[in-house]
N, C-alpha and C. Protein backbone atom coordinates (compact mmCIF):
# COMPACT_ATOMS: atom_id res chain seq x y z
N UNK A 1 40.32 2.19 50.30
CA UNK A 1 40.80 0.86 50.59
C UNK A 1 40.00 -0.19 50.21
N UNK A 2 40.57 -1.31 49.98
CA UNK A 2 40.61 -2.79 50.32
C UNK A 2 39.79 -3.27 51.32
N UNK A 3 37.70 -3.54 50.86
CA UNK A 3 37.63 -4.25 51.57
C UNK A 3 38.20 -5.98 52.67
N UNK A 4 37.82 -5.86 53.23
CA UNK A 4 38.65 -7.61 54.00
C UNK A 4 37.46 -8.76 52.51
N UNK A 5 38.65 -9.72 52.30
CA UNK A 5 37.80 -10.78 51.44
C UNK A 5 37.47 -11.94 52.56
N UNK A 6 36.66 -12.47 51.98
CA UNK A 6 36.64 -13.97 52.96
C UNK A 6 35.51 -15.06 51.92
N UNK A 7 35.83 -15.87 52.48
CA UNK A 7 34.39 -17.22 52.13
C UNK A 7 33.49 -17.35 53.15
N UNK A 8 31.99 -17.64 52.65
CA UNK A 8 31.60 -18.30 53.93
C UNK A 8 31.53 -19.88 53.42
N UNK A 9 31.45 -20.47 54.77
CA UNK A 9 31.73 -21.79 54.74
C UNK A 9 30.22 -22.89 53.72
N UNK A 10 30.17 -24.04 52.76
CA UNK A 10 29.83 -24.45 52.54
C UNK A 10 30.28 -25.62 51.97
N UNK A 11 28.99 -26.56 51.41
CA UNK A 11 29.40 -28.11 51.80
C UNK A 11 29.49 -28.70 50.24
N UNK A 12 29.92 -28.74 49.06
CA UNK A 12 30.13 -29.35 47.84
C UNK A 12 30.13 -31.21 47.91
N UNK A 13 29.00 -31.78 47.30
CA UNK A 13 29.38 -33.14 47.03
C UNK A 13 29.23 -32.62 45.95
N UNK A 14 30.58 -33.87 45.55
CA UNK A 14 30.61 -34.39 44.34
C UNK A 14 30.52 -36.46 44.20
N UNK A 15 29.83 -37.27 43.21
CA UNK A 15 29.60 -38.62 42.21
C UNK A 15 30.87 -39.16 41.66
N UNK A 16 30.51 -39.96 41.80
CA UNK A 16 31.44 -41.01 40.60
C UNK A 16 30.92 -42.76 40.67
N UNK A 17 30.83 -42.64 39.15
CA UNK A 17 30.43 -44.00 39.01
C UNK A 17 30.97 -44.98 38.30
N UNK A 18 31.46 -45.82 38.68
CA UNK A 18 32.43 -46.68 38.04
C UNK A 18 32.07 -47.79 37.63
N UNK A 19 32.21 -48.30 35.91
CA UNK A 19 31.24 -50.38 35.75
C UNK A 19 32.98 -50.09 34.87
N UNK A 20 33.16 -51.24 35.32
CA UNK A 20 33.81 -52.20 34.08
C UNK A 20 32.95 -53.15 33.79
N UNK A 21 33.16 -53.54 32.29
CA UNK A 21 32.34 -54.54 31.55
C UNK A 21 33.45 -55.22 30.48
N UNK A 22 33.76 -56.32 29.99
CA UNK A 22 34.29 -56.97 29.06
C UNK A 22 35.94 -56.89 30.00
N UNK A 23 35.89 -57.10 31.14
CA UNK A 23 37.23 -57.18 31.45
C UNK A 23 37.97 -56.09 31.62
N UNK A 24 38.15 -55.46 30.40
CA UNK A 24 39.45 -54.67 29.72
C UNK A 24 38.15 -52.94 29.70
N UNK A 25 37.22 -52.83 29.57
CA UNK A 25 36.52 -51.79 29.28
C UNK A 25 35.74 -50.99 30.49
N UNK A 26 36.02 -49.81 30.97
CA UNK A 26 35.17 -49.04 31.75
C UNK A 26 34.36 -48.30 31.48
N UNK A 27 32.98 -47.25 31.98
CA UNK A 27 32.64 -46.40 31.83
C UNK A 27 32.47 -45.61 33.32
N UNK A 28 32.26 -44.99 33.13
CA UNK A 28 31.98 -43.55 34.11
C UNK A 28 31.66 -42.65 34.10
N UNK A 29 31.14 -41.97 35.02
CA UNK A 29 29.71 -41.58 35.19
C UNK A 29 29.74 -40.14 36.58
N UNK A 30 30.03 -39.21 36.15
CA UNK A 30 30.66 -38.08 37.42
C UNK A 30 29.08 -37.47 37.22
N UNK A 31 29.08 -36.27 38.49
CA UNK A 31 28.23 -35.71 39.25
C UNK A 31 28.76 -34.80 40.09
N UNK A 32 28.71 -33.97 39.23
CA UNK A 32 29.33 -32.21 40.78
C UNK A 32 28.31 -31.58 40.73
N UNK A 33 28.28 -30.96 42.25
CA UNK A 33 27.63 -30.27 42.91
C UNK A 33 25.92 -30.37 43.19
N UNK A 34 26.54 -32.17 43.85
CA UNK A 34 25.41 -32.98 43.65
C UNK A 34 24.06 -32.09 44.19
N UNK A 35 23.42 -31.26 45.62
CA UNK A 35 22.38 -30.76 45.73
C UNK A 35 22.38 -29.08 45.27
N UNK A 36 23.29 -28.94 43.97
CA UNK A 36 22.80 -28.21 43.02
C UNK A 36 23.32 -27.18 44.14
N UNK A 37 23.56 -26.11 45.20
CA UNK A 37 23.72 -25.77 46.09
C UNK A 37 24.68 -24.30 44.72
N UNK A 38 24.27 -22.56 44.98
CA UNK A 38 25.48 -22.35 45.11
C UNK A 38 26.15 -21.54 45.64
N UNK A 39 27.48 -21.57 45.10
CA UNK A 39 28.67 -21.67 46.35
C UNK A 39 29.76 -20.36 45.17
N UNK A 40 30.52 -19.65 46.19
CA UNK A 40 31.82 -18.75 45.34
C UNK A 40 33.26 -19.99 45.86
N UNK A 41 33.56 -19.69 45.16
CA UNK A 41 35.30 -19.90 45.49
C UNK A 41 36.41 -18.93 45.21
N UNK A 42 37.72 -18.65 45.49
CA UNK A 42 38.81 -17.87 45.30
C UNK A 42 38.17 -17.19 44.42
N UNK A 43 38.91 -15.86 44.66
CA UNK A 43 39.00 -14.72 43.76
C UNK A 43 40.53 -13.85 44.25
N UNK A 44 39.90 -12.26 44.07
CA UNK A 44 40.63 -11.85 43.26
C UNK A 44 39.88 -9.97 44.05
N UNK A 45 40.85 -9.13 44.41
CA UNK A 45 40.32 -7.55 44.23
C UNK A 45 40.31 -7.09 42.93
N UNK A 46 38.97 -6.80 42.53
CA UNK A 46 38.33 -5.82 41.26
C UNK A 46 38.72 -4.59 41.50
N UNK A 47 37.99 -4.51 40.20
CA UNK A 47 38.16 -1.98 40.37
C UNK A 47 36.78 -2.28 38.87
N UNK A 48 35.09 -2.89 38.82
CA UNK A 48 34.78 -2.74 37.95
C UNK A 48 34.29 -1.65 37.50
N UNK A 49 34.46 -0.15 38.43
CA UNK A 49 34.19 1.08 36.97
C UNK A 49 35.75 1.34 37.62
N UNK A 50 36.50 1.50 37.16
CA UNK A 50 38.22 1.47 36.66
C UNK A 50 38.33 2.85 37.68
N UNK A 51 37.37 3.63 39.08
CA UNK A 51 37.99 4.56 39.85
C UNK A 51 38.58 4.33 40.49
N UNK A 52 39.48 3.43 41.09
CA UNK A 52 40.73 3.28 41.78
C UNK A 52 40.26 2.39 43.33
N UNK A 53 38.74 1.88 43.18
CA UNK A 53 38.51 1.79 44.66
C UNK A 53 38.34 0.06 44.12
N UNK A 54 39.12 -1.20 45.01
CA UNK A 54 38.91 -2.24 44.22
C UNK A 54 38.26 -2.12 45.67
N UNK A 55 38.05 -3.75 45.17
CA UNK A 55 36.06 -4.59 46.30
C UNK A 55 36.21 -5.64 45.85
N UNK A 56 36.39 -6.84 47.06
CA UNK A 56 36.13 -8.15 46.51
C UNK A 56 35.42 -8.68 45.12
N UNK A 57 36.45 -9.75 45.01
CA UNK A 57 35.35 -10.39 43.60
C UNK A 57 35.84 -12.01 43.28
N UNK A 58 34.45 -12.47 43.76
CA UNK A 58 34.62 -13.61 43.70
C UNK A 58 34.21 -14.50 42.56
N UNK A 59 34.30 -15.85 41.78
CA UNK A 59 34.12 -16.99 40.87
C UNK A 59 33.45 -17.96 41.53
N UNK A 60 31.95 -17.83 40.63
CA UNK A 60 30.81 -18.19 41.08
C UNK A 60 31.02 -19.45 40.98
N UNK A 61 30.34 -21.39 41.31
CA UNK A 61 30.75 -22.00 40.68
C UNK A 61 29.65 -22.41 39.46
N UNK A 62 29.63 -23.29 39.12
CA UNK A 62 28.46 -23.62 37.91
C UNK A 62 27.75 -24.87 39.44
N UNK A 63 26.64 -24.41 38.44
CA UNK A 63 25.09 -25.07 39.44
C UNK A 63 25.64 -27.06 39.27
N UNK A 64 24.69 -27.67 39.27
CA UNK A 64 24.61 -29.21 39.81
C UNK A 64 24.80 -29.43 37.47
N UNK A 65 26.58 -30.23 37.42
CA UNK A 65 27.05 -30.90 36.14
C UNK A 65 27.22 -32.01 36.35
N UNK A 66 27.49 -32.53 35.19
CA UNK A 66 27.50 -34.00 34.71
C UNK A 66 28.48 -34.38 33.62
N UNK A 67 29.84 -35.65 33.29
CA UNK A 67 29.72 -35.99 32.32
C UNK A 67 30.22 -37.51 32.01
N UNK A 68 30.28 -38.23 31.33
CA UNK A 68 30.61 -39.37 31.47
C UNK A 68 32.09 -40.01 30.76
N UNK A 69 32.35 -40.38 30.56
CA UNK A 69 33.67 -40.91 30.56
C UNK A 69 33.76 -42.64 29.68
N UNK A 70 34.06 -43.17 28.65
CA UNK A 70 34.16 -43.97 28.00
C UNK A 70 35.83 -44.87 27.44
N UNK A 71 36.14 -45.37 28.54
CA UNK A 71 37.26 -45.90 28.28
C UNK A 71 37.99 -47.38 27.11
N UNK A 72 37.92 -47.28 26.38
CA UNK A 72 38.18 -48.83 25.79
C UNK A 72 40.07 -49.23 25.20
N UNK A 73 40.29 -50.43 26.26
CA UNK A 73 41.36 -50.84 25.69
C UNK A 73 41.75 -51.83 25.30
N UNK A 74 42.42 -51.98 23.92
CA UNK A 74 42.87 -52.09 22.66
C UNK A 74 44.05 -52.98 22.73
N UNK A 75 44.06 -53.95 22.31
CA UNK A 75 45.38 -54.96 22.31
C UNK A 75 46.36 -54.93 21.63
N UNK A 76 47.08 -54.73 20.73
CA UNK A 76 47.54 -55.53 19.27
C UNK A 76 48.03 -57.25 19.64
N UNK A 77 47.05 -58.06 18.91
CA UNK A 77 47.57 -59.91 19.29
C UNK A 77 49.20 -60.08 18.86
N UNK A 78 49.42 -59.38 18.08
CA UNK A 78 51.02 -59.70 17.53
C UNK A 78 52.01 -58.97 18.95
N UNK A 79 52.56 -57.44 19.41
CA UNK A 79 52.84 -56.84 19.47
C UNK A 79 52.65 -57.49 21.36
N UNK A 80 51.81 -57.66 21.44
CA UNK A 80 51.04 -58.05 23.31
C UNK A 80 50.54 -56.02 23.77
N UNK A 81 51.52 -55.56 22.34
CA UNK A 81 51.24 -53.76 22.88
C UNK A 81 49.46 -53.16 23.33
N UNK A 82 49.83 -52.77 24.40
CA UNK A 82 48.26 -52.03 24.72
C UNK A 82 47.37 -50.85 23.90
N UNK A 83 46.54 -50.02 24.04
CA UNK A 83 46.41 -48.85 23.90
C UNK A 83 45.44 -48.67 24.46
N UNK A 84 45.07 -47.21 25.09
CA UNK A 84 43.72 -47.06 25.59
C UNK A 84 43.27 -45.89 25.26
N UNK A 85 42.07 -45.60 25.02
CA UNK A 85 41.41 -44.65 24.21
C UNK A 85 40.43 -44.24 24.69
N UNK A 86 40.98 -42.53 25.67
CA UNK A 86 39.66 -42.10 26.49
C UNK A 86 38.30 -41.40 25.17
N UNK A 87 37.63 -41.00 25.55
CA UNK A 87 36.23 -40.90 25.21
C UNK A 87 35.70 -39.79 25.75
């Protein structure tokens, strides 16, 4: 018989800092799981030993992590066409 699956209550804080510079370029810094808490999200029944008895399985989320994004906007002087380059 499948056990009842439930998740505990949790609070996760994420933040983002955006800096615009030279009127058209952008730098963004993201920080996820600000308080470095271990938490679980959605899951599915699993049968780890293939004995036909399923148990709850959850996805552990990553610890504190960060990433940055640099956006350059370039404009063609002749056509006025703008390009956006994300990195």
